[in-house]
Protein backbone atom coordinates (compact mmCIF):
# COMPACT_ATOMS: atom_id res chain seq x y z
CA UNK A 1 0.00 0.00 0.00
CA UNK A 2 1.42 3.36 -1.03
CA UNK A 3 1.87 5.89 1.76
CA UNK A 4 1.93 9.28 0.13
CA UNK A 5 2.15 12.63 1.87
CA UNK A 6 -0.32 13.93 -0.70
CA UNK A 7 -2.83 11.25 -1.63
CA UNK A 8 -4.34 13.56 -4.24
CA UNK A 9 -1.36 12.75 -6.45
CA UNK A 10 -2.74 9.28 -7.12
CA UNK A 11 -5.63 9.71 -9.55
CA UNK A 12 -7.58 7.21 -11.60
CA UNK A 13 -9.33 9.65 -13.97
CA UNK A 14 -8.34 11.60 -17.07
CA UNK A 15 -7.59 15.32 -16.95
CA UNK A 16 -9.60 17.09 -19.65
CA UNK A 17 -10.67 20.73 -19.87
CA UNK A 18 -9.56 21.45 -16.31
CA UNK A 19 -11.52 18.55 -14.82
CA UNK A 20 -10.85 15.00 -13.70
CA UNK A 21 -13.23 12.64 -15.45
CA UNK A 22 -13.78 9.01 -16.35
CA UNK A 23 -14.11 7.58 -19.84
CA UNK A 24 -17.59 8.04 -21.27
CA UNK A 25 -17.77 4.28 -21.70
CA UNK A 26 -16.81 3.70 -18.07
CA UNK A 27 -13.94 1.44 -19.21
CA UNK A 28 -10.81 1.09 -17.06
CA UNK A 29 -7.48 -0.71 -17.14
CA UNK A 30 -5.26 -1.84 -14.30
CA UNK A 31 -1.84 -0.45 -13.42
CA UNK A 32 0.03 -3.14 -11.50
CA UNK A 33 3.13 -3.29 -9.36
CA UNK A 34 5.51 -5.46 -11.43
CA UNK A 35 7.17 -6.86 -8.29
CA UNK A 36 4.04 -8.01 -6.46
CA UNK A 37 1.33 -8.03 -9.08
CA UNK A 38 -0.82 -5.83 -6.83
CA UNK A 39 -3.12 -3.37 -8.58
CA UNK A 40 -2.06 0.19 -7.82
CA UNK A 41 -5.03 1.79 -9.53
CA UNK A 42 -7.75 1.16 -12.11
CA UNK A 43 -7.22 3.97 -14.61
CA UNK A 44 -9.85 5.44 -16.96
CA UNK A 45 -9.51 3.83 -20.41
CA UNK A 46 -10.43 6.55 -22.88
CA UNK A 47 -11.63 6.04 -26.44
CA UNK A 48 -11.78 8.15 -29.60
CA UNK A 49 -14.72 10.31 -28.49
CA UNK A 50 -12.91 11.21 -25.27
CA UNK A 51 -9.76 12.12 -27.18
CA UNK A 52 -11.72 14.33 -29.53
CA UNK A 53 -13.15 16.22 -26.56
CA UNK A 54 -9.65 16.67 -25.15
CA UNK A 55 -8.43 18.07 -28.46
CA UNK A 56 -11.36 20.49 -28.68
CA UNK A 57 -10.76 21.62 -25.10
CA UNK A 58 -7.07 22.19 -25.78
CA UNK A 59 -7.95 24.21 -28.86
CA UNK A 60 -10.24 26.47 -26.82
CA UNK A 61 -7.52 27.01 -24.21
CA UNK A 62 -4.82 27.64 -26.77
CA UNK A 63 -5.96 31.17 -27.68
CA UNK A 64 -5.72 32.66 -24.16
CA UNK A 65 -2.45 30.80 -23.57
CA UNK A 66 -0.95 32.12 -26.81
CA UNK A 67 -1.92 35.66 -25.77
CA UNK A 68 0.21 35.47 -22.63
CA UNK A 69 3.65 37.00 -22.69
CA UNK A 70 6.72 34.79 -22.50
CA UNK A 71 7.27 36.09 -18.98
CA UNK A 72 3.75 35.10 -17.88
CA UNK A 73 4.18 31.60 -19.27
CA UNK A 74 7.57 31.30 -17.61
CA UNK A 75 6.16 32.20 -14.18
CA UNK A 76 3.51 29.50 -14.39
CA UNK A 77 5.98 26.91 -15.64
CA UNK A 78 8.36 27.78 -12.84
CA UNK A 79 5.53 27.08 -10.39
CA UNK A 80 4.98 23.71 -12.07
CA UNK A 81 8.67 22.91 -11.59
CA UNK A 82 8.54 23.90 -7.92
CA UNK A 83 5.51 21.69 -7.29
CA UNK A 84 7.29 18.70 -8.83
CA UNK A 85 10.36 19.23 -6.63
CA UNK A 86 8.18 19.64 -3.54
CA UNK A 87 6.45 16.34 -4.33
CA UNK A 88 9.67 14.50 -5.17
CA UNK A 89 9.25 11.76 -2.56
CA UNK A 90 5.64 11.00 -3.48
CA UNK A 91 6.37 11.01 -7.21
CA UNK A 92 9.30 8.67 -6.65
CA UNK A 93 7.11 6.26 -4.69
CA UNK A 94 4.61 6.16 -7.52
CA UNK A 95 7.31 5.52 -10.11
CA UNK A 96 8.89 2.74 -8.09
CA UNK A 97 5.54 1.08 -7.43
CA UNK A 98 4.48 1.03 -11.07
CA UNK A 99 7.86 0.49 -12.77
CA UNK A 100 9.87 -1.49 -10.24
CA UNK A 101 12.95 0.74 -10.39
CA UNK A 102 14.96 1.51 -7.22
CA UNK A 103 13.57 4.37 -5.15
CA UNK A 104 16.82 6.35 -5.36
CA UNK A 105 16.72 6.19 -9.16
CA UNK A 106 13.08 7.29 -9.16
CA UNK A 107 13.92 10.32 -7.03
CA UNK A 108 16.69 11.18 -9.45
CA UNK A 109 14.32 10.98 -12.40
CA UNK A 110 11.85 13.35 -10.74
CA UNK A 111 14.60 15.97 -10.48
CA UNK A 112 15.77 15.16 -14.00
CA UNK A 113 12.24 15.47 -15.39
CA UNK A 114 11.58 18.69 -13.52
CA UNK A 115 14.78 20.17 -14.93
CA UNK A 116 13.25 20.19 -18.41
CA UNK A 117 10.34 22.27 -17.16
CA UNK A 118 12.72 24.69 -15.46
CA UNK A 119 14.90 24.92 -18.59
CA UNK A 120 11.99 25.59 -20.96
CA UNK A 121 10.50 28.11 -18.53
CA UNK A 122 13.70 30.13 -18.77
CA UNK A 123 14.46 29.46 -22.42
CA UNK A 124 10.93 30.45 -23.43
CA UNK A 125 11.76 34.04 -22.47
CA UNK A 126 14.60 33.98 -24.99
CA UNK A 127 12.79 32.80 -28.10
CA UNK A 128 13.98 35.50 -30.47
CA UNK A 129 13.03 36.08 -34.06
CA UNK A 130 15.50 36.52 -36.88
CA UNK A 131 16.25 38.55 -39.97
CA UNK A 132 17.48 36.44 -42.88
CA UNK A 133 19.56 37.84 -45.78
CA UNK A 134 17.89 37.57 -49.19
CA UNK A 135 19.07 37.59 -52.79
CA UNK A 136 17.86 41.17 -53.29
CA UNK A 137 18.74 44.45 -51.59
CA UNK A 138 15.13 45.62 -51.73
CA UNK A 139 13.71 42.99 -49.39
CA UNK A 140 14.31 41.16 -46.14
CA UNK A 141 12.91 38.03 -44.50
CA UNK A 142 11.73 38.40 -40.92
CA UNK A 143 11.07 35.30 -38.80
CA UNK A 144 8.68 35.48 -35.85
CA UNK A 145 8.38 32.49 -33.54
CA UNK A 146 5.01 32.03 -31.86
CA UNK A 147 2.57 29.31 -30.75
CA UNK A 148 0.78 27.82 -33.76
CA UNK A 149 -1.69 25.31 -32.33
CA UNK A 150 -2.50 22.28 -30.24
CA UNK A 151 0.14 19.57 -29.97
CA UNK A 152 -0.55 15.89 -29.34
CA UNK A 153 2.20 13.39 -28.60
CA UNK A 154 2.43 9.83 -27.36
CA UNK A 155 4.62 9.58 -24.29
CA UNK A 156 6.19 6.51 -22.75
CA UNK A 157 4.02 3.43 -22.40
CA UNK A 158 3.58 0.94 -19.61
CA UNK A 159 6.95 -0.26 -18.45
CA UNK A 160 9.13 2.56 -19.71
CA UNK A 161 11.96 3.34 -17.28
CA UNK A 162 11.76 7.01 -18.23
CA UNK A 163 8.01 7.65 -18.31
CA UNK A 164 8.11 10.73 -16.09
CA UNK A 165 11.11 12.46 -17.68
CA UNK A 166 9.79 11.81 -21.20
CA UNK A 167 6.38 13.23 -20.28
CA UNK A 168 7.86 16.34 -18.66
CA UNK A 169 10.36 16.92 -21.48
CA UNK A 170 7.70 16.83 -24.18
CA UNK A 171 4.99 18.73 -22.35
CA UNK A 172 7.37 21.46 -21.15
CA UNK A 173 8.35 22.20 -24.74
CA UNK A 174 4.69 22.48 -25.77
CA UNK A 175 3.78 24.78 -22.90
CA UNK A 176 6.78 27.05 -23.35
CA UNK A 177 6.16 27.49 -27.00
CA UNK A 178 -1.78 12.94 -24.60
CA UNK A 179 -0.42 10.22 -23.18
CA UNK A 180 -0.74 6.57 -22.35
CA UNK A 181 0.37 7.61 -18.91
CA UNK A 182 0.86 5.75 -15.71
CA UNK A 183 0.23 7.09 -12.25
CA UNK A 184 3.44 9.12 -12.07
CA UNK A 185 2.61 10.95 -15.30
CA UNK A 186 -0.83 11.60 -13.82
CA UNK A 187 0.82 13.38 -10.93
CA UNK A 188 2.42 15.76 -13.43
CA UNK A 189 -1.05 16.72 -14.63
CA UNK A 190 -2.05 17.40 -11.02
CA UNK A 191 0.94 19.68 -10.67
CA UNK A 192 -0.15 21.49 -13.83
CA UNK A 193 -3.60 22.07 -12.36
CA UNK A 194 -2.16 23.30 -9.08
CA UNK A 195 0.18 25.71 -10.84
CA UNK A 196 -2.81 27.59 -12.32
CA UNK A 197 -2.07 26.63 -15.93
CA UNK A 198 -5.71 26.81 -16.88
CA UNK A 199 -8.07 24.15 -18.19
CA UNK A 200 -6.72 22.15 -21.11
CA UNK A 201 -3.21 23.51 -21.51
CA UNK A 202 -2.14 19.97 -20.81
CA UNK A 203 -4.84 17.34 -21.16
CA UNK A 204 -3.89 13.86 -20.02
CA UNK A 205 -5.62 11.05 -21.88
CA UNK A 206 -4.98 7.51 -20.63
CA UNK A 207 -5.76 4.42 -22.64
CA UNK A 208 -5.25 0.68 -22.41
CA UNK A 209 -3.81 -1.45 -25.18
CA UNK A 210 -7.23 -2.22 -26.68
CA UNK A 211 -7.97 1.40 -27.61
CA UNK A 212 -4.46 2.77 -28.12
CA UNK A 213 -4.34 2.35 -31.89
CA UNK A 214 -7.59 4.21 -32.47
CA UNK A 215 -6.50 7.02 -30.17
CA UNK A 216 -3.26 7.47 -32.08
CA UNK A 217 -5.27 7.64 -35.31
CA UNK A 218 -7.59 10.28 -33.84
CA UNK A 219 -4.65 12.41 -32.69
CA UNK A 220 -2.99 12.10 -36.09
CA UNK A 221 -6.19 13.11 -37.89
CA UNK A 222 -6.56 16.15 -35.62
CA UNK A 223 -2.98 17.18 -36.38
CA UNK A 224 -3.93 17.42 -40.06
CA UNK A 225 -7.13 19.37 -39.44
CA UNK A 226 -7.72 23.01 -38.53
CA UNK A 227 -6.97 22.09 -34.92
C-alpha cells in the first residue's frame, strides 16, 4: 500500500478541460506493481470520443495561452517545476511502485524530469526572431516564432523506465512554446492544475492497449485538421 504525503497525487481519472473525469464508456485498465502483481489503480480507459473532446478543449484554451507573454508563461511553468520538486518523494514512490525501479533512481528521475520544465520556462523568455539575408537588396525576411496550435504526442508506455522524464520533457516544450500515462505521469497533470495553468493547456488522456491504436489515429487526424 502506497503511503503518500499527498494522496491527491494518485488519480484514476483523465484530466480534460480542467476537470478529472472518467471515460464516457466507463472502461478502465489496471496499473500493476511489477514486483508483487498488486493493482495500484484502475485507470480510466479513454476512447476516440474522449480524445476528440480533449483536443477540442485544448484548442479552446490555446488562444488565451498564446496571448500570454513569455514572462507570464515562464512564471507558471516555474511554479509547475517547484511543485514537482516539492512532491519528489511522493512522485518517486509512484514511479517505483508502477515500474519497479529503485527508489533512489526514481527520485533522481523526478529531479531530471523537472529540470526540463525549469529549462523551458527560462528558455521560453529567450525565443527570439530573426532577420534572414535575401538575394535582393530591396527585401528582407523576418522570422517570428510564436505558438501555432494544439500539440498531441504519445509519451512513454507501460513499463518505460523514463516515463516521467519523457512526459515532462515533451509537455514542457509544448507549454513554453496525450499520453498513455501511468500514475506518475498523472501526478504531473495534477501539478499542472495546481500551478494555475488553466483548463486544457495539458490534457492527459490515458488508454489501455485495446484502444491505443484508435486514439493514435484520432490524434494524427486532428494534427492534419484546422486544430
